N, C-alpha and C. Protein backbone atom coordinates (compact mmCIF):
# COMPACT_ATOMS: atom_id res chain seq x y z
N LEU A 1 5.14 22.99 36.74
CA LEU A 1 5.49 21.59 36.58
C LEU A 1 5.93 20.93 37.91
N ASN A 2 6.58 21.70 38.74
CA ASN A 2 7.07 21.18 39.97
C ASN A 2 5.93 20.87 40.93
N GLY A 3 4.89 21.58 40.85
CA GLY A 3 3.72 21.37 41.73
C GLY A 3 3.22 19.94 41.55
N TYR A 4 3.16 19.46 40.32
CA TYR A 4 2.72 18.12 40.11
C TYR A 4 3.79 17.04 40.53
N GLN A 5 5.00 17.41 40.22
CA GLN A 5 6.12 16.41 40.38
C GLN A 5 6.58 16.43 41.90
N GLN A 6 6.18 17.40 42.64
CA GLN A 6 6.48 17.45 44.03
C GLN A 6 7.95 17.29 44.41
N GLY A 7 8.76 17.94 43.64
CA GLY A 7 10.22 17.93 43.91
C GLY A 7 10.85 16.66 43.56
N LEU A 8 10.28 15.85 42.67
CA LEU A 8 10.82 14.53 42.19
C LEU A 8 11.11 14.47 40.71
N CYS A 9 12.18 13.85 40.32
CA CYS A 9 12.44 13.75 38.85
C CYS A 9 11.20 12.98 38.22
N PHE A 10 10.84 13.35 37.03
CA PHE A 10 9.75 12.75 36.26
C PHE A 10 10.03 11.28 36.05
N TYR A 11 11.26 11.01 35.81
CA TYR A 11 11.66 9.59 35.33
C TYR A 11 12.01 8.66 36.53
N CYS A 12 12.96 9.04 37.43
CA CYS A 12 13.46 8.18 38.29
C CYS A 12 12.98 8.48 39.80
N SER A 13 12.26 9.57 39.98
CA SER A 13 11.72 10.02 41.30
C SER A 13 12.71 10.34 42.33
N HIS A 14 14.01 10.63 41.83
CA HIS A 14 14.95 11.16 42.81
C HIS A 14 14.67 12.68 43.08
N LYS A 15 15.26 13.19 44.16
CA LYS A 15 14.93 14.54 44.56
C LYS A 15 15.44 15.51 43.51
N ILE A 16 14.62 16.54 43.20
CA ILE A 16 15.00 17.71 42.39
C ILE A 16 14.57 19.00 43.07
N SER A 17 15.10 20.05 42.58
CA SER A 17 14.78 21.34 43.08
C SER A 17 14.59 22.30 41.90
N VAL A 18 13.84 23.29 42.15
CA VAL A 18 13.70 24.44 41.15
C VAL A 18 14.40 25.68 41.66
N LYS A 19 15.10 25.56 42.87
CA LYS A 19 15.75 26.71 43.44
C LYS A 19 17.16 26.81 42.83
N GLU A 20 17.40 27.99 42.31
CA GLU A 20 18.69 28.26 41.75
C GLU A 20 19.83 27.95 42.72
N LYS A 21 20.92 27.46 42.20
CA LYS A 21 22.13 27.08 42.92
C LYS A 21 21.98 25.79 43.82
N SER A 22 20.81 25.09 43.80
CA SER A 22 20.61 23.81 44.44
C SER A 22 21.52 22.77 43.81
N LYS A 23 22.03 21.90 44.61
CA LYS A 23 22.82 20.83 43.98
C LYS A 23 21.87 19.81 43.31
N TYR A 24 20.55 19.88 43.56
CA TYR A 24 19.57 19.04 42.94
C TYR A 24 18.83 19.79 41.86
N LEU A 25 19.31 20.86 41.32
CA LEU A 25 18.63 21.70 40.37
C LEU A 25 18.17 20.93 39.21
N ALA A 26 16.84 20.97 38.92
CA ALA A 26 16.25 20.18 37.82
C ALA A 26 16.55 20.79 36.47
N ASP A 27 16.58 19.93 35.48
CA ASP A 27 16.59 20.26 34.09
C ASP A 27 15.14 20.27 33.61
N VAL A 28 14.83 21.13 32.68
CA VAL A 28 13.51 21.05 31.99
C VAL A 28 13.83 20.13 30.74
N ASP A 29 13.11 18.98 30.77
CA ASP A 29 13.40 18.01 29.62
C ASP A 29 12.22 17.99 28.70
N HIS A 30 12.53 17.89 27.46
CA HIS A 30 11.57 17.60 26.38
C HIS A 30 11.25 16.14 26.28
N PHE A 31 10.02 15.75 26.71
CA PHE A 31 9.74 14.27 26.64
C PHE A 31 9.98 13.80 25.32
N PHE A 32 9.37 14.46 24.25
CA PHE A 32 9.74 14.11 22.93
C PHE A 32 10.83 15.02 22.43
N PRO A 33 11.97 14.64 22.09
CA PRO A 33 13.09 15.48 21.84
C PRO A 33 13.00 16.29 20.56
N HIS A 34 13.77 17.29 20.50
CA HIS A 34 13.90 18.21 19.42
C HIS A 34 14.28 17.50 18.11
N SER A 35 15.04 16.39 18.23
CA SER A 35 15.48 15.60 17.02
C SER A 35 14.32 15.11 16.17
N LEU A 36 13.15 15.02 16.82
CA LEU A 36 11.94 14.62 15.95
C LEU A 36 11.59 15.73 14.90
N ILE A 37 11.80 16.98 15.29
CA ILE A 37 11.50 18.09 14.26
C ILE A 37 12.48 17.98 13.19
N LYS A 38 13.75 17.70 13.47
CA LYS A 38 14.74 17.55 12.45
C LYS A 38 14.39 16.44 11.48
N ASN A 39 13.61 15.51 11.91
CA ASN A 39 13.13 14.34 11.09
C ASN A 39 11.74 14.50 10.60
N GLN A 40 11.38 15.83 10.37
CA GLN A 40 10.09 16.19 9.72
C GLN A 40 8.84 15.96 10.56
N MET A 41 8.95 15.67 11.84
CA MET A 41 7.67 15.59 12.57
C MET A 41 7.14 16.96 12.86
N LYS A 42 5.96 17.17 12.74
CA LYS A 42 5.26 18.53 12.87
C LYS A 42 4.61 18.57 14.20
N ILE A 43 5.47 18.76 15.23
CA ILE A 43 4.85 18.89 16.60
C ILE A 43 5.51 20.12 17.34
N ASN A 44 4.83 20.62 18.25
CA ASN A 44 5.39 21.69 19.07
C ASN A 44 6.13 21.07 20.18
N VAL A 45 7.37 20.73 20.08
CA VAL A 45 8.13 20.10 21.21
C VAL A 45 8.26 21.01 22.37
N ASP A 46 8.22 22.29 22.17
CA ASP A 46 8.35 23.28 23.21
C ASP A 46 7.06 23.53 23.97
N GLY A 47 5.98 22.89 23.60
CA GLY A 47 4.68 23.04 24.31
C GLY A 47 4.83 22.48 25.68
N VAL A 48 4.12 23.14 26.63
CA VAL A 48 4.17 22.69 28.00
C VAL A 48 3.73 21.26 28.19
N TRP A 49 2.84 20.78 27.34
CA TRP A 49 2.41 19.45 27.36
C TRP A 49 3.62 18.39 27.22
N ASN A 50 4.64 18.89 26.65
CA ASN A 50 5.87 17.98 26.39
C ASN A 50 6.99 18.25 27.36
N LEU A 51 6.80 19.15 28.28
CA LEU A 51 7.99 19.48 29.23
C LEU A 51 7.83 18.86 30.54
N VAL A 52 8.83 18.31 31.06
CA VAL A 52 8.85 17.62 32.40
C VAL A 52 10.17 18.09 33.05
N LEU A 53 10.21 17.99 34.42
CA LEU A 53 11.39 18.32 35.17
C LEU A 53 12.13 16.97 35.36
N ALA A 54 13.42 17.00 35.19
CA ALA A 54 14.20 15.74 35.31
C ALA A 54 15.51 16.14 36.07
N CYS A 55 16.00 15.05 36.71
CA CYS A 55 17.32 15.29 37.36
C CYS A 55 18.36 15.29 36.31
N LYS A 56 19.57 15.82 36.60
CA LYS A 56 20.58 15.82 35.64
C LYS A 56 21.00 14.46 35.10
N ASP A 57 21.05 13.48 35.96
CA ASP A 57 21.40 12.15 35.57
C ASP A 57 20.50 11.58 34.51
N CYS A 58 19.19 11.73 34.74
CA CYS A 58 18.25 11.26 33.79
C CYS A 58 18.25 11.99 32.44
N ASN A 59 18.48 13.33 32.58
CA ASN A 59 18.38 14.19 31.33
C ASN A 59 19.63 14.13 30.49
N ARG A 60 20.85 14.16 31.23
CA ARG A 60 21.97 14.34 30.43
C ARG A 60 23.18 13.61 31.11
N GLY A 61 22.94 12.70 31.96
CA GLY A 61 24.07 11.99 32.63
C GLY A 61 24.57 10.87 31.73
N GLU A 62 25.46 10.11 32.29
CA GLU A 62 26.22 9.05 31.48
C GLU A 62 25.17 8.13 30.72
N ASN A 63 24.10 7.78 31.40
CA ASN A 63 23.07 6.97 30.76
C ASN A 63 21.76 7.78 30.57
N GLY A 64 22.02 9.02 30.33
CA GLY A 64 20.78 9.97 30.16
C GLY A 64 19.98 9.79 28.96
N LYS A 65 18.85 10.49 28.98
CA LYS A 65 17.88 10.36 27.89
C LYS A 65 18.32 11.02 26.68
N PHE A 66 18.87 12.17 26.72
CA PHE A 66 19.30 12.97 25.55
C PHE A 66 18.20 12.94 24.49
N SER A 67 18.38 12.41 23.35
CA SER A 67 17.49 12.43 22.26
C SER A 67 16.72 11.12 22.13
N LYS A 68 16.65 10.35 23.14
CA LYS A 68 15.90 9.12 23.15
C LYS A 68 14.41 9.33 23.45
N ILE A 69 13.59 8.24 23.20
CA ILE A 69 12.18 8.30 23.45
C ILE A 69 12.02 7.49 24.77
N PRO A 70 11.32 8.06 25.79
CA PRO A 70 11.18 7.25 27.03
C PRO A 70 10.24 6.09 26.78
N GLU A 71 10.46 5.07 27.63
CA GLU A 71 9.64 3.87 27.51
C GLU A 71 8.14 4.34 27.68
N ASN A 72 7.24 3.41 27.19
CA ASN A 72 5.83 3.64 27.16
C ASN A 72 5.21 3.92 28.50
N ILE A 73 5.80 3.38 29.56
CA ILE A 73 5.21 3.73 30.96
C ILE A 73 5.28 5.24 31.22
N PHE A 74 6.28 5.90 30.70
CA PHE A 74 6.43 7.31 30.91
C PHE A 74 5.39 8.11 30.09
N LEU A 75 5.04 7.59 28.91
CA LEU A 75 3.99 8.18 28.14
C LEU A 75 2.71 8.23 28.93
N ASP A 76 2.37 7.09 29.58
CA ASP A 76 1.20 7.09 30.40
C ASP A 76 1.24 8.08 31.57
N LYS A 77 2.45 8.21 32.10
CA LYS A 77 2.64 9.22 33.14
C LYS A 77 2.49 10.63 32.64
N LEU A 78 2.98 10.90 31.41
CA LEU A 78 2.81 12.23 30.77
C LEU A 78 1.32 12.54 30.62
N CYS A 79 0.54 11.44 30.10
CA CYS A 79 -0.93 11.72 29.92
C CYS A 79 -1.57 12.03 31.22
N LYS A 80 -1.24 11.29 32.28
CA LYS A 80 -1.86 11.57 33.58
C LYS A 80 -1.45 12.92 34.13
N ARG A 81 -0.21 13.37 33.94
CA ARG A 81 0.21 14.65 34.34
C ARG A 81 -0.55 15.77 33.68
N ASN A 82 -0.69 15.64 32.31
CA ASN A 82 -1.40 16.66 31.55
C ASN A 82 -2.85 16.75 32.02
N ASN A 83 -3.44 15.56 32.24
CA ASN A 83 -4.91 15.57 32.62
C ASN A 83 -5.04 16.11 34.05
N TRP A 84 -4.01 15.87 34.85
CA TRP A 84 -4.08 16.46 36.29
C TRP A 84 -3.95 17.93 36.23
N LEU A 85 -3.07 18.47 35.29
CA LEU A 85 -2.89 19.97 35.27
C LEU A 85 -4.26 20.54 34.76
N ILE A 86 -4.91 19.93 33.79
CA ILE A 86 -6.18 20.40 33.26
C ILE A 86 -7.26 20.35 34.30
N SER A 87 -7.34 19.27 35.10
CA SER A 87 -8.45 19.13 36.12
C SER A 87 -8.21 20.01 37.29
N SER A 88 -6.98 20.36 37.54
CA SER A 88 -6.65 21.20 38.66
C SER A 88 -6.91 22.75 38.37
N HIS A 89 -7.34 23.02 37.16
CA HIS A 89 -7.58 24.39 36.67
C HIS A 89 -6.28 25.18 36.83
N HIS A 90 -5.18 24.58 36.62
CA HIS A 90 -3.90 25.22 36.52
C HIS A 90 -3.84 26.29 35.47
N PRO A 91 -3.14 27.39 35.62
CA PRO A 91 -3.08 28.39 34.59
C PRO A 91 -2.74 27.90 33.17
N LEU A 92 -2.06 26.67 33.08
CA LEU A 92 -1.69 26.13 31.77
C LEU A 92 -2.73 25.29 31.23
N ARG A 93 -3.88 25.18 31.90
CA ARG A 93 -4.97 24.26 31.45
C ARG A 93 -5.37 24.49 30.02
N GLU A 94 -5.73 25.71 29.71
CA GLU A 94 -6.24 26.08 28.32
C GLU A 94 -5.14 25.78 27.30
N THR A 95 -3.90 26.08 27.58
CA THR A 95 -2.86 25.90 26.68
C THR A 95 -2.70 24.44 26.36
N ILE A 96 -2.71 23.62 27.33
CA ILE A 96 -2.62 22.12 27.15
C ILE A 96 -3.73 21.62 26.35
N ILE A 97 -4.98 22.05 26.72
CA ILE A 97 -6.17 21.65 25.95
C ILE A 97 -6.04 22.04 24.53
N ASN A 98 -5.65 23.28 24.22
CA ASN A 98 -5.48 23.75 22.82
C ASN A 98 -4.39 22.97 22.12
N GLN A 99 -3.38 22.48 22.74
CA GLN A 99 -2.27 21.86 22.08
C GLN A 99 -2.51 20.34 21.96
N THR A 100 -3.32 19.75 22.82
CA THR A 100 -3.41 18.23 22.71
C THR A 100 -4.82 17.75 22.57
N GLY A 101 -5.82 18.54 22.80
CA GLY A 101 -7.22 18.02 22.65
C GLY A 101 -8.16 18.41 23.80
N ASN A 102 -9.42 18.44 23.51
CA ASN A 102 -10.39 18.96 24.50
C ASN A 102 -10.99 17.97 25.42
N ASN A 103 -10.53 16.70 25.27
CA ASN A 103 -10.99 15.74 26.23
C ASN A 103 -9.89 14.64 26.34
N SER A 104 -9.98 13.88 27.47
CA SER A 104 -8.86 12.88 27.85
C SER A 104 -8.69 11.91 26.73
N GLU A 105 -9.68 11.44 26.06
CA GLU A 105 -9.50 10.47 24.97
C GLU A 105 -8.68 11.06 23.82
N LYS A 106 -9.05 12.27 23.44
CA LYS A 106 -8.25 12.97 22.35
C LYS A 106 -6.88 13.22 22.80
N ARG A 107 -6.59 13.56 24.04
CA ARG A 107 -5.26 13.77 24.49
C ARG A 107 -4.44 12.51 24.46
N VAL A 108 -4.98 11.41 24.95
CA VAL A 108 -4.33 10.10 24.84
C VAL A 108 -3.97 9.73 23.34
N LYS A 109 -4.91 9.94 22.51
CA LYS A 109 -4.69 9.66 21.12
C LYS A 109 -3.65 10.50 20.43
N TYR A 110 -3.71 11.84 20.81
CA TYR A 110 -2.65 12.70 20.35
C TYR A 110 -1.25 12.26 20.74
N LEU A 111 -1.05 12.00 21.96
CA LEU A 111 0.24 11.61 22.46
C LEU A 111 0.64 10.21 22.00
N SER A 112 -0.31 9.29 21.87
CA SER A 112 -0.04 7.92 21.38
C SER A 112 0.42 8.00 19.92
N ASN A 113 -0.21 8.87 19.14
CA ASN A 113 0.16 8.95 17.70
C ASN A 113 1.56 9.55 17.58
N ILE A 114 1.94 10.57 18.36
CA ILE A 114 3.35 11.09 18.43
C ILE A 114 4.27 9.96 18.79
N TYR A 115 3.95 9.25 19.80
CA TYR A 115 4.83 8.20 20.31
C TYR A 115 5.04 7.15 19.20
N GLU A 116 4.03 6.72 18.54
CA GLU A 116 4.12 5.67 17.52
C GLU A 116 5.08 6.22 16.31
N GLU A 117 4.87 7.47 15.95
CA GLU A 117 5.71 8.06 14.88
C GLU A 117 7.13 8.20 15.34
N ALA A 118 7.33 8.62 16.56
CA ALA A 118 8.68 8.78 17.12
C ALA A 118 9.42 7.46 17.18
N ILE A 119 8.78 6.38 17.55
CA ILE A 119 9.37 5.04 17.59
C ILE A 119 9.77 4.54 16.27
N LYS A 120 8.90 4.91 15.25
CA LYS A 120 9.14 4.52 13.84
C LYS A 120 10.39 5.28 13.38
N LEU A 121 10.64 6.46 13.76
CA LEU A 121 11.81 7.32 13.30
C LEU A 121 13.06 6.79 14.09
N PHE A 122 12.90 6.44 15.28
CA PHE A 122 14.03 6.03 16.13
C PHE A 122 13.73 4.69 16.83
N PRO A 123 13.66 3.58 16.07
CA PRO A 123 13.19 2.31 16.61
C PRO A 123 14.02 1.73 17.73
N TYR A 124 15.29 2.16 17.85
CA TYR A 124 16.19 1.58 18.84
C TYR A 124 16.50 2.55 19.96
N SER A 125 15.59 3.59 20.12
CA SER A 125 15.97 4.68 21.03
C SER A 125 15.15 4.67 22.33
N LYS A 126 14.39 3.66 22.59
CA LYS A 126 13.61 3.60 23.88
C LYS A 126 14.59 3.73 25.07
N TRP A 127 14.15 4.57 25.98
CA TRP A 127 14.96 4.84 27.16
C TRP A 127 14.21 4.75 28.46
N SER A 128 14.96 4.24 29.44
CA SER A 128 14.46 4.15 30.84
C SER A 128 15.64 4.45 31.79
N PRO A 129 15.40 5.06 32.84
CA PRO A 129 16.52 5.36 33.76
C PRO A 129 17.13 4.10 34.31
N LYS A 130 18.42 4.15 34.58
CA LYS A 130 19.14 2.97 35.21
C LYS A 130 18.82 2.91 36.69
């Protein structure tokens, strides 16, 4: 994941690191939170397609994302990221294809459908970094 994000938080683009003990150590964030499963959504939230690296402030800081749904612009960014991983022949390529669809159109539709359902469940939970 860090190869795509190039050491930057998925949401705010502040510096992050994957090196243990770094003061910028990234959190692995679930774009679509676990709370969706508790509300009967049948998705694999632990799938690599749903994981991003985030700074501590965005993931769990005072105004952090927690169980909120990121604004739609981040859904577009997630789609682009997943397509990039697939086109780069990353080792996770086949996993993402199997989990989200075998072409870009299907992947966009898959993520869009989840997003629409998530917003129905949590209509006031859209989040964007401060």
